[in-house]
C-alpha atoms as a PDB file:
ATOM      1  CA  MET A   1      19.528  19.808 -35.019  1.00  0.00           C
ATOM      2  CA  ASN A   2      21.078  23.285 -33.812  1.00  0.00           C
ATOM      3  CA  ILE A   3      20.521  23.789 -30.348  1.00  0.00           C
ATOM      4  CA  ASP A   4      19.678  27.306 -29.328  1.00  0.00           C
ATOM      5  CA  ILE A   5      20.195  27.566 -25.822  1.00  0.00           C
ATOM      6  CA  ASN A   6      18.899  30.816 -25.240  1.00  0.00           C
ATOM      7  CA  LYS A   7      15.702  29.758 -26.817  1.00  0.00           C
ATOM      8  CA  ILE A   8      15.546  26.726 -24.491  1.00  0.00           C
ATOM      9  CA  ARG A   9      16.163  29.035 -21.761  1.00  0.00           C
ATOM     10  CA  LYS A  10      13.321  31.142 -22.384  1.00  0.00           C
ATOM     11  CA  ASP A  11      11.038  27.933 -22.347  1.00  0.00           C
ATOM     12  CA  PHE A  12      11.715  27.975 -18.334  1.00  0.00           C
ATOM     13  CA  PRO A  13       9.757  31.069 -16.609  1.00  0.00           C
ATOM     14  CA  ILE A  14      11.963  30.624 -13.549  1.00  0.00           C
ATOM     15  CA  LEU A  15      15.187  31.128 -15.492  1.00  0.00           C
ATOM     16  CA  GLN A  16      13.874  34.837 -16.187  1.00  0.00           C
ATOM     17  CA  ARG A  17      14.363  35.709 -12.663  1.00  0.00           C
ATOM     18  CA  GLU A  18      17.568  37.667 -11.398  1.00  0.00           C
ATOM     19  CA  VAL A  19      19.317  36.413  -8.126  1.00  0.00           C
ATOM     20  CA  TYR A  20      21.385  38.700  -6.542  1.00  0.00           C
ATOM     21  CA  GLY A  21      21.281  41.049  -9.558  1.00  0.00           C
ATOM     22  CA  LYS A  22      22.264  38.456 -12.236  1.00  0.00           C
ATOM     23  CA  PRO A  23      20.195  35.927 -14.360  1.00  0.00           C
ATOM     24  CA  LEU A  24      19.420  32.791 -12.347  1.00  0.00           C
ATOM     25  CA  VAL A  25      21.697  30.016 -13.187  1.00  0.00           C
ATOM     26  CA  TYR A  26      20.496  26.543 -11.715  1.00  0.00           C
ATOM     27  CA  PHE A  27      22.682  23.396 -11.829  1.00  0.00           C
ATOM     28  CA  ASP A  28      20.804  21.381  -9.176  1.00  0.00           C
ATOM     29  CA  ASN A  29      19.003  18.882 -11.520  1.00  0.00           C
ATOM     30  CA  ALA A  30      20.125  15.606  -9.589  1.00  0.00           C
ATOM     31  CA  ALA A  31      17.673  17.213  -6.961  1.00  0.00           C
ATOM     32  CA  THR A  32      15.082  18.314  -9.219  1.00  0.00           C
ATOM     33  CA  THR A  33      14.477  20.085 -12.587  1.00  0.00           C
ATOM     34  CA  GLN A  34      12.697  23.236 -13.405  1.00  0.00           C
ATOM     35  CA  LYS A  35       9.825  23.200 -15.451  1.00  0.00           C
ATOM     36  CA  PRO A  36       8.899  24.593 -19.006  1.00  0.00           C
ATOM     37  CA  SER A  37       6.019  26.823 -19.600  1.00  0.00           C
ATOM     38  CA  VAL A  38       4.411  23.925 -21.450  1.00  0.00           C
ATOM     39  CA  VAL A  39       4.258  21.678 -18.256  1.00  0.00           C
ATOM     40  CA  ILE A  40       2.952  24.844 -16.228  1.00  0.00           C
ATOM     41  CA  GLN A  41       0.192  25.496 -18.704  1.00  0.00           C
ATOM     42  CA  ALA A  42      -0.896  21.794 -18.989  1.00  0.00           C
ATOM     43  CA  LEU A  43      -1.399  21.890 -15.168  1.00  0.00           C
ATOM     44  CA  SER A  44      -3.333  24.914 -15.176  1.00  0.00           C
ATOM     45  CA  LYS A  45      -5.416  23.843 -18.007  1.00  0.00           C
ATOM     46  CA  TYR A  46      -6.535  20.792 -16.094  1.00  0.00           C
ATOM     47  CA  TYR A  47      -7.781  22.852 -13.195  1.00  0.00           C
ATOM     48  CA  MET A  48      -9.436  25.298 -15.148  1.00  0.00           C
ATOM     49  CA  GLU A  49     -11.004  23.122 -17.889  1.00  0.00           C
ATOM     50  CA  GLN A  50     -11.038  19.396 -17.041  1.00  0.00           C
ATOM     51  CA  ASN A  51     -10.881  18.995 -13.201  1.00  0.00           C
ATOM     52  CA  SER A  52     -12.924  15.693 -12.445  1.00  0.00           C
ATOM     53  CA  ASN A  53     -12.000  12.594 -10.993  1.00  0.00           C
ATOM     54  CA  ILE A  54     -11.375   9.654 -13.334  1.00  0.00           C
ATOM     55  CA  HIS A  55     -12.568   6.010 -14.305  1.00  0.00           C
ATOM     56  CA  ARG A  56     -15.534   6.825 -11.969  1.00  0.00           C
ATOM     57  CA  ALA A  57     -17.423   9.700 -13.397  1.00  0.00           C
ATOM     58  CA  ALA A  58     -20.210   9.211 -16.033  1.00  0.00           C
ATOM     59  CA  HIS A  59     -20.031  12.858 -17.224  1.00  0.00           C
ATOM     60  CA  PHE A  60     -18.221  14.924 -19.708  1.00  0.00           C
ATOM     61  CA  LEU A  61     -15.414  16.103 -17.515  1.00  0.00           C
ATOM     62  CA  GLY A  62     -14.760  12.593 -16.042  1.00  0.00           C
ATOM     63  CA  GLU A  63     -14.468  11.084 -19.443  1.00  0.00           C
ATOM     64  CA  GLU A  64     -12.252  13.738 -20.830  1.00  0.00           C
ATOM     65  CA  ALA A  65      -9.912  13.712 -17.584  1.00  0.00           C
ATOM     66  CA  THR A  66      -9.719   9.755 -18.014  1.00  0.00           C
ATOM     67  CA  VAL A  67      -8.802   9.885 -21.520  1.00  0.00           C
ATOM     68  CA  ALA A  68      -6.048  12.450 -20.752  1.00  0.00           C
ATOM     69  CA  TYR A  69      -4.810  10.133 -17.925  1.00  0.00           C
ATOM     70  CA  GLU A  70      -4.771   7.037 -19.910  1.00  0.00           C
ATOM     71  CA  GLU A  71      -3.054   8.739 -22.786  1.00  0.00           C
ATOM     72  CA  SER A  72      -0.242   9.755 -20.303  1.00  0.00           C
ATOM     73  CA  ARG A  73       0.337   6.277 -19.499  1.00  0.00           C
ATOM     74  CA  LYS A  74       0.568   5.343 -23.409  1.00  0.00           C
ATOM     75  CA  ASN A  75       2.913   8.014 -23.660  1.00  0.00           C
ATOM     76  CA  VAL A  76       5.343   6.956 -20.688  1.00  0.00           C
ATOM     77  CA  GLN A  77       4.902   3.417 -22.196  1.00  0.00           C
ATOM     78  CA  THR A  78       6.219   4.673 -25.592  1.00  0.00           C
ATOM     79  CA  PHE A  79       8.969   6.669 -23.967  1.00  0.00           C
ATOM     80  CA  ILE A  80      10.577   3.855 -22.386  1.00  0.00           C
ATOM     81  CA  ASN A  81       9.509   1.114 -24.741  1.00  0.00           C
ATOM     82  CA  ALA A  82       7.398  -1.143 -22.563  1.00  0.00           C
ATOM     83  CA  GLU A  83       5.606  -4.012 -24.164  1.00  0.00           C
ATOM     84  CA  ASN A  84       2.182  -2.899 -22.624  1.00  0.00           C
ATOM     85  CA  ALA A  85       0.438   0.244 -21.253  1.00  0.00           C
ATOM     86  CA  HIS A  86      -0.764  -1.896 -18.353  1.00  0.00           C
ATOM     87  CA  GLU A  87       2.955  -2.430 -17.139  1.00  0.00           C
ATOM     88  CA  ILE A  88       3.177   1.273 -16.512  1.00  0.00           C
ATOM     89  CA  ILE A  89       2.415   1.931 -12.836  1.00  0.00           C
ATOM     90  CA  PHE A  90       1.900   5.583 -11.625  1.00  0.00           C
ATOM     91  CA  THR A  91       3.138   6.301  -8.307  1.00  0.00           C
ATOM     92  CA  LYS A  92       4.277   9.301  -6.163  1.00  0.00           C
ATOM     93  CA  GLY A  93       7.769   9.073  -7.742  1.00  0.00           C
ATOM     94  CA  THR A  94      10.986   6.823  -7.790  1.00  0.00           C
ATOM     95  CA  THR A  95      10.914   6.374  -3.600  1.00  0.00           C
ATOM     96  CA  ASP A  96       7.330   5.238  -3.962  1.00  0.00           C
ATOM     97  CA  SER A  97       8.054   2.938  -6.666  1.00  0.00           C
ATOM     98  CA  ILE A  98      10.854   1.210  -5.005  1.00  0.00           C
ATOM     99  CA  ASN A  99       8.856   0.828  -1.611  1.00  0.00           C
ATOM    100  CA  LEU A 100       5.947  -0.571  -3.582  1.00  0.00           C
ATOM    101  CA  VAL A 101       8.361  -3.432  -4.998  1.00  0.00           C
ATOM    102  CA  ALA A 102      10.249  -4.096  -1.633  1.00  0.00           C
ATOM    103  CA  SER A 103       6.643  -4.317  -0.121  1.00  0.00           C
ATOM    104  CA  SER A 104       4.824  -6.211  -2.562  1.00  0.00           C
ATOM    105  CA  PHE A 105       7.250  -8.334  -4.268  1.00  0.00           C
ATOM    106  CA  GLY A 106       8.859  -8.949  -1.078  1.00  0.00           C
ATOM    107  CA  LYS A 107       5.826 -10.173   0.666  1.00  0.00           C
ATOM    108  CA  LYS A 108       5.181 -12.629  -2.233  1.00  0.00           C
ATOM    109  CA  PHE A 109       8.858 -13.946  -2.670  1.00  0.00           C
ATOM    110  CA  PHE A 110      11.192 -13.115   0.162  1.00  0.00           C
ATOM    111  CA  LYS A 111      11.684 -15.407   3.262  1.00  0.00           C
ATOM    112  CA  GLU A 112      14.200 -16.015   5.825  1.00  0.00           C
ATOM    113  CA  GLY A 113      17.826 -16.465   4.400  1.00  0.00           C
ATOM    114  CA  ASP A 114      17.082 -15.017   1.007  1.00  0.00           C
ATOM    115  CA  GLU A 115      19.385 -12.308  -0.169  1.00  0.00           C
ATOM    116  CA  ILE A 116      18.814  -9.151  -1.909  1.00  0.00           C
ATOM    117  CA  ILE A 117      21.658  -7.241  -3.726  1.00  0.00           C
ATOM    118  CA  VAL A 118      22.344  -3.510  -4.024  1.00  0.00           C
ATOM    119  CA  SER A 119      25.533  -1.464  -4.616  1.00  0.00           C
ATOM    120  CA  THR A 120      27.592   1.081  -2.599  1.00  0.00           C
ATOM    121  CA  LEU A 121      26.363   3.835  -5.277  1.00  0.00           C
ATOM    122  CA  GLU A 122      22.634   3.524  -4.233  1.00  0.00           C
ATOM    123  CA  HIS A 123      20.780   6.419  -2.694  1.00  0.00           C
ATOM    124  CA  HIS A 124      18.808   5.907   0.537  1.00  0.00           C
ATOM    125  CA  SER A 125      15.609   5.097  -1.496  1.00  0.00           C
ATOM    126  CA  ASN A 126      17.271   1.975  -2.920  1.00  0.00           C
ATOM    127  CA  ILE A 127      18.650   0.876   0.397  1.00  0.00           C
ATOM    128  CA  VAL A 128      16.227   1.493   3.319  1.00  0.00           C
ATOM    129  CA  PRO A 129      12.926   0.040   1.614  1.00  0.00           C
ATOM    130  CA  TRP A 130      15.153  -3.572   1.208  1.00  0.00           C
ATOM    131  CA  GLN A 131      16.187  -3.086   4.928  1.00  0.00           C
ATOM    132  CA  PHE A 132      12.752  -2.914   6.054  1.00  0.00           C
ATOM    133  CA  MET A 133      11.727  -5.634   3.945  1.00  0.00           C
ATOM    134  CA  CYS A 134      14.769  -7.816   5.225  1.00  0.00           C
ATOM    135  CA  GLU A 135      13.541  -7.113   8.970  1.00  0.00           C
ATOM    136  CA  GLN A 136      10.161  -8.129   8.099  1.00  0.00           C
ATOM    137  CA  SER A 137      11.304 -11.441   6.226  1.00  0.00           C
ATOM    138  CA  GLY A 138      14.657 -12.356   7.486  1.00  0.00           C
ATOM    139  CA  ALA A 139      16.241 -11.870   4.135  1.00  0.00           C
ATOM    140  CA  LYS A 140      19.701 -10.434   4.224  1.00  0.00           C
ATOM    141  CA  LEU A 141      21.062  -7.250   2.407  1.00  0.00           C
ATOM    142  CA  ARG A 142      24.226  -7.882   0.321  1.00  0.00           C
ATOM    143  CA  VAL A 143      26.470  -4.911  -1.032  1.00  0.00           C
ATOM    144  CA  ILE A 144      28.350  -4.693  -4.244  1.00  0.00           C
ATOM    145  CA  PRO A 145      31.526  -2.724  -3.533  1.00  0.00           C
ATOM    146  CA  ILE A 146      33.120  -0.065  -5.830  1.00  0.00           C
ATOM    147  CA  SER A 147      36.420   0.861  -6.893  1.00  0.00           C
ATOM    148  CA  ASP A 148      38.834   3.980  -6.062  1.00  0.00           C
ATOM    149  CA  SER A 149      37.187   5.320  -9.573  1.00  0.00           C
ATOM    150  CA  GLY A 150      33.641   5.148  -8.213  1.00  0.00           C
ATOM    151  CA  GLU A 151      32.654   2.030 -10.386  1.00  0.00           C
ATOM    152  CA  ILE A 152      31.109  -1.275  -9.240  1.00  0.00           C
ATOM    153  CA  ILE A 153      33.635  -3.980  -9.068  1.00  0.00           C
ATOM    154  CA  PHE A 154      31.785  -6.249 -11.528  1.00  0.00           C
ATOM    155  CA  SER A 155      33.783  -9.533 -10.391  1.00  0.00           C
ATOM    156  CA  GLU A 156      32.618  -8.937  -6.842  1.00  0.00           C
ATOM    157  CA  TYR A 157      29.165  -8.690  -8.288  1.00  0.00           C
ATOM    158  CA  GLN A 158      29.415 -11.998  -9.809  1.00  0.00           C
ATOM    159  CA  LYS A 159      30.603 -13.407  -6.464  1.00  0.00           C
ATOM    160  CA  LEU A 160      27.583 -12.287  -4.807  1.00  0.00           C
ATOM    161  CA  LEU A 161      25.088 -14.058  -6.944  1.00  0.00           C
ATOM    162  CA  ASN A 162      23.961 -17.222  -5.804  1.00  0.00           C
ATOM    163  CA  ASP A 163      20.828 -19.282  -5.296  1.00  0.00           C
ATOM    164  CA  LYS A 164      19.514 -17.431  -2.230  1.00  0.00           C
ATOM    165  CA  THR A 165      19.699 -14.095  -4.367  1.00  0.00           C
ATOM    166  CA  LYS A 166      15.858 -13.226  -5.025  1.00  0.00           C
ATOM    167  CA  LEU A 167      16.500  -9.691  -6.456  1.00  0.00           C
ATOM    168  CA  VAL A 168      19.128  -7.411  -7.573  1.00  0.00           C
ATOM    169  CA  ALA A 169      18.291  -3.456  -7.153  1.00  0.00           C
ATOM    170  CA  ILE A 170      20.963  -1.151  -8.768  1.00  0.00           C
ATOM    171  CA  SER A 171      20.926   2.262  -9.931  1.00  0.00           C
ATOM    172  CA  HIS A 172      21.298   3.276 -13.579  1.00  0.00           C
ATOM    173  CA  VAL A 173      23.353   6.363 -13.109  1.00  0.00           C
ATOM    174  CA  SER A 174      24.661   7.626  -9.683  1.00  0.00           C
ATOM    175  CA  ASN A 175      22.755  10.774  -8.205  1.00  0.00           C
ATOM    176  CA  ALA A 176      26.121  11.415  -6.342  1.00  0.00           C
ATOM    177  CA  ILE A 177      28.974  11.086  -8.542  1.00  0.00           C
ATOM    178  CA  GLY A 178      27.462  10.273 -11.909  1.00  0.00           C
ATOM    179  CA  THR A 179      28.935   6.806 -12.382  1.00  0.00           C
ATOM    180  CA  ILE A 180      27.002   4.968 -15.424  1.00  0.00           C
ATOM    181  CA  ASN A 181      26.480   1.489 -14.097  1.00  0.00           C
ATOM    182  CA  PRO A 182      26.620  -1.512 -16.722  1.00  0.00           C
ATOM    183  CA  VAL A 183      23.271  -2.154 -16.160  1.00  0.00           C
ATOM    184  CA  LYS A 184      22.563  -4.440 -19.228  1.00  0.00           C
ATOM    185  CA  GLU A 185      25.509  -6.727 -18.225  1.00  0.00           C
ATOM    186  CA  VAL A 186      23.898  -6.582 -14.401  1.00  0.00           C
ATOM    187  CA  ILE A 187      20.742  -7.810 -15.601  1.00  0.00           C
ATOM    188  CA  LYS A 188      22.077 -10.395 -17.862  1.00  0.00           C
ATOM    189  CA  GLU A 189      24.312 -12.170 -15.175  1.00  0.00           C
ATOM    190  CA  ALA A 190      21.364 -11.888 -13.069  1.00  0.00           C
ATOM    191  CA  HIS A 191      18.952 -13.684 -15.447  1.00  0.00           C
ATOM    192  CA  ASP A 192      21.257 -16.439 -16.140  1.00  0.00           C
ATOM    193  CA  LEU A 193      20.361 -17.576 -12.747  1.00  0.00           C
ATOM    194  CA  ASN A 194      16.544 -16.518 -13.162  1.00  0.00           C
ATOM    195  CA  ILE A 195      16.978 -13.520 -10.463  1.00  0.00           C
ATOM    196  CA  PRO A 196      15.040 -10.577 -11.448  1.00  0.00           C
ATOM    197  CA  VAL A 197      16.500  -6.994 -11.516  1.00  0.00           C
ATOM    198  CA  LEU A 198      15.332  -3.492 -10.537  1.00  0.00           C
ATOM    199  CA  ILE A 199      16.823  -0.428 -12.227  1.00  0.00           C
ATOM    200  CA  ASP A 200      16.667   2.701 -10.340  1.00  0.00           C
ATOM    201  CA  GLY A 201      16.652   5.064 -13.187  1.00  0.00           C
ATOM    202  CA  PRO A 202      15.657   8.819 -12.220  1.00  0.00           C
ATOM    203  CA  GLN A 203      19.256   9.929 -13.002  1.00  0.00           C
ATOM    204  CA  ALA A 204      19.393   8.185 -16.206  1.00  0.00           C
ATOM    205  CA  ILE A 205      15.982   8.800 -17.654  1.00  0.00           C
ATOM    206  CA  PRO A 206      16.591  12.939 -18.459  1.00  0.00           C
ATOM    207  CA  HIS A 207      20.128  11.895 -19.997  1.00  0.00           C
ATOM    208  CA  MET A 208      19.740   8.925 -22.336  1.00  0.00           C
ATOM    209  CA  LYS A 209      17.388   6.766 -24.223  1.00  0.00           C
ATOM    210  CA  ILE A 210      15.647   3.981 -22.183  1.00  0.00           C
ATOM    211  CA  ASP A 211      14.290   0.988 -23.818  1.00  0.00           C
ATOM    212  CA  VAL A 212      13.087  -1.333 -20.962  1.00  0.00           C
ATOM    213  CA  GLN A 213      12.647  -4.132 -23.608  1.00  0.00           C
ATOM    214  CA  GLU A 214      16.319  -3.709 -24.850  1.00  0.00           C
ATOM    215  CA  LEU A 215      17.639  -3.692 -21.251  1.00  0.00           C
ATOM    216  CA  ASP A 216      15.346  -6.801 -20.348  1.00  0.00           C
ATOM    217  CA  CYS A 217      14.963  -5.287 -16.612  1.00  0.00           C
ATOM    218  CA  ASP A 218      12.193  -6.569 -14.719  1.00  0.00           C
ATOM    219  CA  PHE A 219      11.502  -3.586 -12.917  1.00  0.00           C
ATOM    220  CA  TYR A 220      12.347   0.303 -13.798  1.00  0.00           C
ATOM    221  CA  THR A 221      11.711   3.184 -11.886  1.00  0.00           C
ATOM    222  CA  PHE A 222      11.856   7.300 -12.379  1.00  0.00           C
ATOM    223  CA  SER A 223      10.287  10.468 -10.991  1.00  0.00           C
ATOM    224  CA  SER A 224       8.489  13.109 -13.276  1.00  0.00           C
ATOM    225  CA  HIS A 225      10.488  16.149 -11.342  1.00  0.00           C
ATOM    226  CA  LYS A 226      13.680  14.717 -12.724  1.00  0.00           C
ATOM    227  CA  ILE A 227      12.677  15.234 -16.033  1.00  0.00           C
ATOM    228  CA  TYR A 228      11.050  18.768 -16.096  1.00  0.00           C
ATOM    229  CA  GLY A 229       7.637  17.430 -14.992  1.00  0.00           C
ATOM    230  CA  PRO A 230       5.791  18.095 -11.653  1.00  0.00           C
ATOM    231  CA  MET A 231       6.723  16.845  -8.310  1.00  0.00           C
ATOM    232  CA  GLY A 232       4.482  14.116  -6.536  1.00  0.00           C
ATOM    233  CA  VAL A 233       4.375  11.705  -9.679  1.00  0.00           C
ATOM    234  CA  GLY A 234       6.438   8.990 -11.151  1.00  0.00           C
ATOM    235  CA  THR A 235       6.583   5.640 -12.760  1.00  0.00           C
ATOM    236  CA  LEU A 236       7.085   1.855 -11.803  1.00  0.00           C
ATOM    237  CA  TYR A 237       7.366  -0.147 -15.046  1.00  0.00           C
ATOM    238  CA  GLY A 238       7.212  -3.904 -14.144  1.00  0.00           C
ATOM    239  CA  LYS A 239       7.127  -7.099 -16.352  1.00  0.00           C
ATOM    240  CA  GLU A 240       3.532  -8.219 -16.449  1.00  0.00           C
ATOM    241  CA  LYS A 241       4.271 -11.705 -15.209  1.00  0.00           C
ATOM    242  CA  TYR A 242       5.727 -10.099 -11.914  1.00  0.00           C
ATOM    243  CA  LEU A 243       3.197  -7.579 -11.424  1.00  0.00           C
ATOM    244  CA  ASN A 244       0.375 -10.230 -12.035  1.00  0.00           C
ATOM    245  CA  GLU A 245       1.882 -12.400  -9.132  1.00  0.00           C
ATOM    246  CA  MET A 246       2.413  -9.389  -6.656  1.00  0.00           C
ATOM    247  CA  PRO A 247      -0.138  -8.576  -3.972  1.00  0.00           C
ATOM    248  CA  PRO A 248      -1.592  -4.963  -4.069  1.00  0.00           C
ATOM    249  CA  TYR A 249       0.505  -2.444  -2.203  1.00  0.00           C
ATOM    250  CA  GLN A 250      -2.296  -0.443  -0.622  1.00  0.00           C
ATOM    251  CA  GLY A 251      -5.986  -0.812  -0.284  1.00  0.00           C
ATOM    252  CA  GLY A 252      -9.082   1.311  -1.494  1.00  0.00           C
ATOM    253  CA  GLY A 253     -10.321   3.053  -4.435  1.00  0.00           C
ATOM    254  CA  GLU A 254      -9.483   2.143  -8.048  1.00  0.00           C
ATOM    255  CA  MET A 255      -7.608  -1.079  -6.966  1.00  0.00           C
ATOM    256  CA  ILE A 256     -10.899  -2.775  -5.901  1.00  0.00           C
ATOM    257  CA  ASN A 257     -12.988  -4.966  -8.334  1.00  0.00           C
ATOM    258  CA  ASN A 258     -15.676  -6.073  -5.918  1.00  0.00           C
ATOM    259  CA  VAL A 259     -16.010  -5.415  -2.076  1.00  0.00           C
ATOM    260  CA  SER A 260     -17.660  -7.353   0.683  1.00  0.00           C
ATOM    261  CA  PHE A 261     -16.896  -7.721   4.164  1.00  0.00           C
ATOM    262  CA  GLU A 262     -16.045 -11.527   3.879  1.00  0.00           C
ATOM    263  CA  LYS A 263     -13.846 -10.938   0.707  1.00  0.00           C
ATOM    264  CA  THR A 264     -12.558  -8.291  -1.713  1.00  0.00           C
ATOM    265  CA  THR A 265     -11.364  -9.058  -5.220  1.00  0.00           C
ATOM    266  CA  TYR A 266      -8.828  -7.013  -6.877  1.00  0.00           C
ATOM    267  CA  ASN A 267      -8.682  -4.976 -10.077  1.00  0.00           C
ATOM    268  CA  GLN A 268      -6.648  -5.790 -13.026  1.00  0.00           C
ATOM    269  CA  LEU A 269      -3.283  -4.324 -14.076  1.00  0.00           C
ATOM    270  CA  PRO A 270      -2.455  -1.287 -13.656  1.00  0.00           C
ATOM    271  CA  PHE A 271      -5.218  -0.383 -11.458  1.00  0.00           C
ATOM    272  CA  LYS A 272      -4.145  -3.140  -8.650  1.00  0.00           C
ATOM    273  CA  PHE A 273      -1.415  -0.979  -7.632  1.00  0.00           C
ATOM    274  CA  GLU A 274      -3.029   2.626  -8.140  1.00  0.00           C
ATOM    275  CA  ALA A 275      -5.321   2.849  -5.084  1.00  0.00           C
ATOM    276  CA  GLY A 276      -7.211   6.056  -4.026  1.00  0.00           C
ATOM    277  CA  THR A 277      -7.711   9.216  -6.316  1.00  0.00           C
ATOM    278  CA  PRO A 278      -4.855   9.537  -8.465  1.00  0.00           C
ATOM    279  CA  ASN A 279      -2.723  12.789  -9.126  1.00  0.00           C
ATOM    280  CA  VAL A 280      -4.374  13.344 -12.463  1.00  0.00           C
ATOM    281  CA  ALA A 281      -3.069  16.858 -13.244  1.00  0.00           C
ATOM    282  CA  ASP A 282       0.603  15.958 -12.380  1.00  0.00           C
ATOM    283  CA  VAL A 283       0.265  12.769 -14.390  1.00  0.00           C
ATOM    284  CA  ILE A 284      -0.979  15.019 -17.474  1.00  0.00           C
ATOM    285  CA  GLY A 285       2.024  17.604 -16.659  1.00  0.00           C
ATOM    286  CA  PHE A 286       4.220  14.356 -16.512  1.00  0.00           C
ATOM    287  CA  SER A 287       3.415  13.502 -20.072  1.00  0.00           C
ATOM    288  CA  GLU A 288       4.004  16.868 -21.135  1.00  0.00           C
ATOM    289  CA  ALA A 289       7.271  17.005 -19.964  1.00  0.00           C
ATOM    290  CA  ILE A 290       7.834  13.822 -21.923  1.00  0.00           C
ATOM    291  CA  LYS A 291       6.650  15.623 -25.150  1.00  0.00           C
ATOM    292  CA  TYR A 292       8.803  18.500 -24.349  1.00  0.00           C
ATOM    293  CA  ILE A 293      12.161  16.408 -24.109  1.00  0.00           C
ATOM    294  CA  ARG A 294      10.951  14.734 -27.419  1.00  0.00           C
ATOM    295  CA  SER A 295      10.810  18.044 -29.159  1.00  0.00           C
ATOM    296  CA  ILE A 296      14.295  18.696 -28.145  1.00  0.00           C
ATOM    297  CA  GLY A 297      15.485  15.228 -28.927  1.00  0.00           C
ATOM    298  CA  MET A 298      17.311  12.899 -26.466  1.00  0.00           C
ATOM    299  CA  ASP A 299      20.402  12.574 -28.702  1.00  0.00           C
ATOM    300  CA  ASN A 300      20.588  16.294 -28.432  1.00  0.00           C
ATOM    301  CA  ILE A 301      20.214  16.146 -24.821  1.00  0.00           C
ATOM    302  CA  SER A 302      22.760  13.655 -24.242  1.00  0.00           C
END
């Protein structure tokens, strides 16, 4: 496929602006990406034609919005090749996804003396939630050092793994220096000791094909706004076996199956982790951004 950069540029309304008398040039994609017209139009269409709460309204708009929302989940599932749609949890973004795992997985599996491994390359969102959980559980954070060239020292990672390690959490691509971590090898080393792995993926997802089954990661997180979609929404992929064992992260709304003052039972996956009214419009816009990426082709983007 021949890539017409000028045509792609025209897909983004904000890039038609002039700044200081010259066409806007925007390079800050590691922080957030701009939005193509198709995403903006999807948001507008939802609020102009479909606005309704989902999963709980027995009328036309509610049904239409629910279908669009769940089709978006299936689109994300296909995009990262998850085995099941219910392994896709919609969150506020990568930070929210990591906090969900740190809180919920941590409550279930971490105890005093356990260890969590991260790397020196991590951004704050893949450090601070684990520190919170260490403070609460008595677990300890262990850190993989990096070389002068900005790569994890794999032999040091192997030394950190032991029977106290309960989770490895590592970025796929560094948001600061662009290092691509050997996550498949990281996962294999951990799995040889039955240790689950979370991959922090917002900087990888816009640039390369992600296949969570091929990676065999246990959790994968990313944000819509890093792949030309709206802010305020993202995805936690988790293997069904772990998501079923983890307690809910928040209470109320869609995560409930039955409520009494004596006892509340929780909904099935994925709704167990989607408390309250969801961000329906932005999830639909997120899905539209994925379609836009597919129209260009990830190989061409890479």
